[in-house]
Amino acid sequence: MFLAQSTCQILRRANHVSTVITGGQDTVGLRVPNHPVALELLRHRLYSGLIN
């Protein structure tokens, strides 16, 4: 994966996502960093099924 810089997506909160995570808002921000170690950690967690 090549990212020129980190990216952040703002998405609508799914019903099963606690408002504690979103601070009571209807949206949640997902940030994907542009750092090899952080990206490898994300890949490992995604492929191991810990993040759904």
Protein backbone atom coordinates (compact mmCIF):
# COMPACT_ATOMS: atom_id res chain seq x y z
CA MET A 1 0.00 0.00 0.00
CA PHE A 2 1.36 3.41 -0.93
CA LEU A 3 0.11 6.52 0.76
CA ALA A 4 1.67 9.87 0.03
CA GLN A 5 0.49 10.91 3.48
CA SER A 6 -1.75 9.63 6.20
CA THR A 7 -5.44 9.55 5.44
CA CYS A 8 -8.52 9.98 7.59
CA GLN A 9 -12.06 8.98 6.75
CA ILE A 10 -15.11 10.29 8.58
CA LEU A 11 -17.89 7.71 8.53
CA ARG A 12 -21.37 7.44 9.96
CA ARG A 13 -21.41 5.50 13.22
CA ALA A 14 -22.92 2.04 12.88
CA ASN A 15 -25.56 1.17 15.46
CA HIS A 16 -23.28 -1.36 17.16
CA VAL A 17 -20.54 1.26 17.74
CA SER A 18 -20.79 2.77 21.20
CA THR A 19 -21.27 6.51 21.52
CA VAL A 20 -18.42 6.36 24.06
CA ILE A 21 -16.09 5.82 21.09
CA THR A 22 -17.60 8.68 19.08
CA GLY A 23 -17.96 11.13 21.95
CA GLY A 24 -21.71 11.12 21.48
CA GLN A 25 -21.45 12.07 17.81
CA ASP A 26 -23.05 10.28 14.85
CA THR A 27 -19.71 9.92 13.06
CA VAL A 28 -16.40 8.21 13.69
CA GLY A 29 -12.99 9.04 12.23
CA LEU A 30 -10.72 6.27 10.98
CA ARG A 31 -7.10 7.26 10.48
CA VAL A 32 -4.65 5.25 8.40
CA PRO A 33 -1.09 6.38 9.12
CA ASN A 34 1.74 6.56 6.63
CA HIS A 35 4.40 4.83 8.69
CA PRO A 36 5.79 1.36 7.93
CA VAL A 37 5.55 0.07 11.51
CA ALA A 38 2.01 1.35 12.06
CA LEU A 39 0.89 -0.04 8.70
CA GLU A 40 2.39 -3.44 9.51
CA LEU A 41 0.57 -3.50 12.86
CA LEU A 42 -2.71 -2.69 11.10
CA ARG A 43 -2.10 -5.41 8.51
CA HIS A 44 -1.31 -7.95 11.20
CA ARG A 45 -4.48 -7.14 13.15
CA LEU A 46 -6.66 -7.07 10.04
CA TYR A 47 -5.38 -10.39 8.77
CA SER A 48 -5.55 -12.07 12.18
CA GLY A 49 -9.23 -11.12 12.50
CA LEU A 50 -8.90 -8.99 15.63
CA ILE A 51 -10.40 -5.96 13.89
CA ASN A 52 -13.76 -6.50 12.23
